[in-house]
């Protein structure tokens, strides 16, 4: 069953809006990132200490200790999640550190779709 003219216009409008906003989405979420493993370790340690305090608070029937433990666990989780940040040129120059971005991220220019299309063409030429 074919689409009516109204449905076709709506579909075309939705497609145009998708392509219009695609670049914004890719720019805000893409790019190489680095992780500070010290912050992750401190965050995990905070979660563990917080959970221990929650258990101690429950066993001793002291709500204040349990609530404080929960707060410490949440703060540790937020600390660990904040350990990732966008990579800078300085991060790439540090010895012993490998880039955390995708394999093709070091290439310049082109959108994501252009790079994927180029990789597809290169792969087909090798076969």
C-alpha atoms as a PDB file:
ATOM      1  CA  UNK A   1       0.000   0.000   0.000  1.00  0.00           C
ATOM      2  CA  UNK A   2       1.472   3.330  -1.059  1.00  0.00           C
ATOM      3  CA  UNK A   3       1.677   6.481   1.006  1.00  0.00           C
ATOM      4  CA  UNK A   4      -0.721   9.344   0.493  1.00  0.00           C
ATOM      5  CA  UNK A   5       0.635  12.754  -0.515  1.00  0.00           C
ATOM      6  CA  UNK A   6       0.236  14.041   3.035  1.00  0.00           C
ATOM      7  CA  UNK A   7       2.087  11.055   4.501  1.00  0.00           C
ATOM      8  CA  UNK A   8       4.843  11.394   1.890  1.00  0.00           C
ATOM      9  CA  UNK A   9       5.292  15.095   2.720  1.00  0.00           C
ATOM     10  CA  UNK A  10       5.485  14.303   6.440  1.00  0.00           C
ATOM     11  CA  UNK A  11       8.047  11.578   5.788  1.00  0.00           C
ATOM     12  CA  UNK A  12      10.149  13.928   3.642  1.00  0.00           C
ATOM     13  CA  UNK A  13       9.981  16.649   6.297  1.00  0.00           C
ATOM     14  CA  UNK A  14      11.047  14.222   9.027  1.00  0.00           C
ATOM     15  CA  UNK A  15      13.952  13.040   6.864  1.00  0.00           C
ATOM     16  CA  UNK A  16      15.108  16.618   6.216  1.00  0.00           C
ATOM     17  CA  UNK A  17      14.982  17.391   9.946  1.00  0.00           C
ATOM     18  CA  UNK A  18      16.960  14.253  10.697  1.00  0.00           C
ATOM     19  CA  UNK A  19      19.730  15.190   8.266  1.00  0.00           C
ATOM     20  CA  UNK A  20      19.670  18.784   9.488  1.00  0.00           C
ATOM     21  CA  UNK A  21      20.249  17.779  13.134  1.00  0.00           C
ATOM     22  CA  UNK A  22      22.560  14.821  12.448  1.00  0.00           C
ATOM     23  CA  UNK A  23      25.670  17.015  12.346  1.00  0.00           C
ATOM     24  CA  UNK A  24      24.833  18.550  15.734  1.00  0.00           C
ATOM     25  CA  UNK A  25      24.436  15.146  17.337  1.00  0.00           C
ATOM     26  CA  UNK A  26      27.677  13.800  15.875  1.00  0.00           C
ATOM     27  CA  UNK A  27      29.633  16.891  16.937  1.00  0.00           C
ATOM     28  CA  UNK A  28      28.462  16.761  20.540  1.00  0.00           C
ATOM     29  CA  UNK A  29      29.027  13.038  21.120  1.00  0.00           C
ATOM     30  CA  UNK A  30      31.975  12.210  18.909  1.00  0.00           C
ATOM     31  CA  UNK A  31      35.683  12.548  19.295  1.00  0.00           C
ATOM     32  CA  UNK A  32      38.396  10.793  21.215  1.00  0.00           C
ATOM     33  CA  UNK A  33      38.236  10.774  24.997  1.00  0.00           C
ATOM     34  CA  UNK A  34      40.710  10.069  27.760  1.00  0.00           C
ATOM     35  CA  UNK A  35      40.050   8.423  31.099  1.00  0.00           C
ATOM     36  CA  UNK A  36      41.749   9.339  34.360  1.00  0.00           C
ATOM     37  CA  UNK A  37      42.085   5.924  35.974  1.00  0.00           C
ATOM     38  CA  UNK A  38      43.023   7.451  39.318  1.00  0.00           C
ATOM     39  CA  UNK A  39      39.630   9.153  39.492  1.00  0.00           C
ATOM     40  CA  UNK A  40      37.936   5.897  38.543  1.00  0.00           C
ATOM     41  CA  UNK A  41      39.793   4.033  41.309  1.00  0.00           C
ATOM     42  CA  UNK A  42      38.924   6.692  43.899  1.00  0.00           C
ATOM     43  CA  UNK A  43      35.295   6.615  42.767  1.00  0.00           C
ATOM     44  CA  UNK A  44      35.085   2.819  43.043  1.00  0.00           C
ATOM     45  CA  UNK A  45      36.710   2.998  46.466  1.00  0.00           C
ATOM     46  CA  UNK A  46      34.121   5.602  47.503  1.00  0.00           C
ATOM     47  CA  UNK A  47      31.314   3.331  46.312  1.00  0.00           C
ATOM     48  CA  UNK A  48      32.732   0.410  48.298  1.00  0.00           C
ATOM     49  CA  UNK A  49      33.147   2.490  51.483  1.00  0.00           C
ATOM     50  CA  UNK A  50      29.640   3.889  51.059  1.00  0.00           C
ATOM     51  CA  UNK A  51      28.106   0.441  50.691  1.00  0.00           C
ATOM     52  CA  UNK A  52      29.991  -0.805  53.744  1.00  0.00           C
ATOM     53  CA  UNK A  53      28.618   2.147  55.706  1.00  0.00           C
ATOM     54  CA  UNK A  54      25.091   1.378  54.494  1.00  0.00           C
ATOM     55  CA  UNK A  55      25.423  -2.216  55.700  1.00  0.00           C
ATOM     56  CA  UNK A  56      26.894  -1.085  59.032  1.00  0.00           C
ATOM     57  CA  UNK A  57      24.096   1.450  59.454  1.00  0.00           C
ATOM     58  CA  UNK A  58      21.441  -1.197  58.781  1.00  0.00           C
ATOM     59  CA  UNK A  59      22.985  -3.775  61.129  1.00  0.00           C
ATOM     60  CA  UNK A  60      23.439  -1.238  63.944  1.00  0.00           C
ATOM     61  CA  UNK A  61      19.999   0.294  63.228  1.00  0.00           C
ATOM     62  CA  UNK A  62      21.483   3.776  62.827  1.00  0.00           C
ATOM     63  CA  UNK A  63      19.814   5.545  59.933  1.00  0.00           C
ATOM     64  CA  UNK A  64      22.291   8.421  59.964  1.00  0.00           C
ATOM     65  CA  UNK A  65      25.222   6.108  59.151  1.00  0.00           C
ATOM     66  CA  UNK A  66      23.203   4.407  56.397  1.00  0.00           C
ATOM     67  CA  UNK A  67      22.215   7.702  54.812  1.00  0.00           C
ATOM     68  CA  UNK A  68      25.793   8.975  54.993  1.00  0.00           C
ATOM     69  CA  UNK A  69      27.012   5.745  53.383  1.00  0.00           C
ATOM     70  CA  UNK A  70      24.493   6.098  50.594  1.00  0.00           C
ATOM     71  CA  UNK A  71      25.631   9.680  50.004  1.00  0.00           C
ATOM     72  CA  UNK A  72      29.271   8.589  49.873  1.00  0.00           C
ATOM     73  CA  UNK A  73      28.403   5.793  47.415  1.00  0.00           C
ATOM     74  CA  UNK A  74      26.541   8.211  45.127  1.00  0.00           C
ATOM     75  CA  UNK A  75      29.388  10.740  45.311  1.00  0.00           C
ATOM     76  CA  UNK A  76      31.881   7.988  44.457  1.00  0.00           C
ATOM     77  CA  UNK A  77      29.806   6.932  41.454  1.00  0.00           C
ATOM     78  CA  UNK A  78      29.591  10.511  40.192  1.00  0.00           C
ATOM     79  CA  UNK A  79      33.336  10.959  40.716  1.00  0.00           C
ATOM     80  CA  UNK A  80      34.095   7.798  38.717  1.00  0.00           C
ATOM     81  CA  UNK A  81      31.727   8.779  35.918  1.00  0.00           C
ATOM     82  CA  UNK A  82      33.331  12.221  35.654  1.00  0.00           C
ATOM     83  CA  UNK A  83      36.744  10.660  34.955  1.00  0.00           C
ATOM     84  CA  UNK A  84      36.224  10.755  31.178  1.00  0.00           C
ATOM     85  CA  UNK A  85      36.983  13.965  29.297  1.00  0.00           C
ATOM     86  CA  UNK A  86      37.661  14.979  25.696  1.00  0.00           C
ATOM     87  CA  UNK A  87      41.229  14.311  24.567  1.00  0.00           C
ATOM     88  CA  UNK A  88      43.549  17.221  23.897  1.00  0.00           C
ATOM     89  CA  UNK A  89      46.711  17.510  21.820  1.00  0.00           C
ATOM     90  CA  UNK A  90      48.702  17.340  25.058  1.00  0.00           C
ATOM     91  CA  UNK A  91      47.210  13.908  25.834  1.00  0.00           C
ATOM     92  CA  UNK A  92      48.359  12.555  22.478  1.00  0.00           C
ATOM     93  CA  UNK A  93      51.954  13.681  23.118  1.00  0.00           C
ATOM     94  CA  UNK A  94      52.327  11.971  26.498  1.00  0.00           C
ATOM     95  CA  UNK A  95      54.644   8.977  26.307  1.00  0.00           C
ATOM     96  CA  UNK A  96      53.163   5.599  27.152  1.00  0.00           C
ATOM     97  CA  UNK A  97      49.604   6.764  26.563  1.00  0.00           C
ATOM     98  CA  UNK A  98      47.625   5.400  23.693  1.00  0.00           C
ATOM     99  CA  UNK A  99      44.798   7.292  22.070  1.00  0.00           C
ATOM    100  CA  UNK A 100      41.385   6.204  23.234  1.00  0.00           C
ATOM    101  CA  UNK A 101      39.550   7.358  20.143  1.00  0.00           C
ATOM    102  CA  UNK A 102      38.398   5.278  17.210  1.00  0.00           C
ATOM    103  CA  UNK A 103      40.930   3.997  14.703  1.00  0.00           C
ATOM    104  CA  UNK A 104      40.066   6.531  12.007  1.00  0.00           C
ATOM    105  CA  UNK A 105      39.759   9.499  14.350  1.00  0.00           C
ATOM    106  CA  UNK A 106      43.241  10.807  13.583  1.00  0.00           C
ATOM    107  CA  UNK A 107      42.337  11.407   9.949  1.00  0.00           C
ATOM    108  CA  UNK A 108      41.283  14.923   9.204  1.00  0.00           C
ATOM    109  CA  UNK A 109      38.215  16.171   7.423  1.00  0.00           C
ATOM    110  CA  UNK A 110      34.994  14.600   6.343  1.00  0.00           C
ATOM    111  CA  UNK A 111      31.888  13.698   8.209  1.00  0.00           C
ATOM    112  CA  UNK A 112      31.216  10.363   9.803  1.00  0.00           C
ATOM    113  CA  UNK A 113      29.259   9.161   6.797  1.00  0.00           C
ATOM    114  CA  UNK A 114      32.047  10.224   4.418  1.00  0.00           C
ATOM    115  CA  UNK A 115      34.629   8.296   6.443  1.00  0.00           C
ATOM    116  CA  UNK A 116      32.427   5.209   6.650  1.00  0.00           C
ATOM    117  CA  UNK A 117      31.771   5.360   2.931  1.00  0.00           C
ATOM    118  CA  UNK A 118      35.498   5.678   2.238  1.00  0.00           C
ATOM    119  CA  UNK A 119      36.273   2.690   4.480  1.00  0.00           C
ATOM    120  CA  UNK A 120      33.589   0.656   2.713  1.00  0.00           C
ATOM    121  CA  UNK A 121      35.042   1.538  -0.701  1.00  0.00           C
ATOM    122  CA  UNK A 122      38.568   0.669   0.475  1.00  0.00           C
ATOM    123  CA  UNK A 123      37.377  -2.670   1.816  1.00  0.00           C
ATOM    124  CA  UNK A 124      35.605  -3.504  -1.454  1.00  0.00           C
ATOM    125  CA  UNK A 125      38.732  -2.662  -3.476  1.00  0.00           C
ATOM    126  CA  UNK A 126      40.827  -5.108  -1.455  1.00  0.00           C
ATOM    127  CA  UNK A 127      38.465  -8.013  -2.178  1.00  0.00           C
END
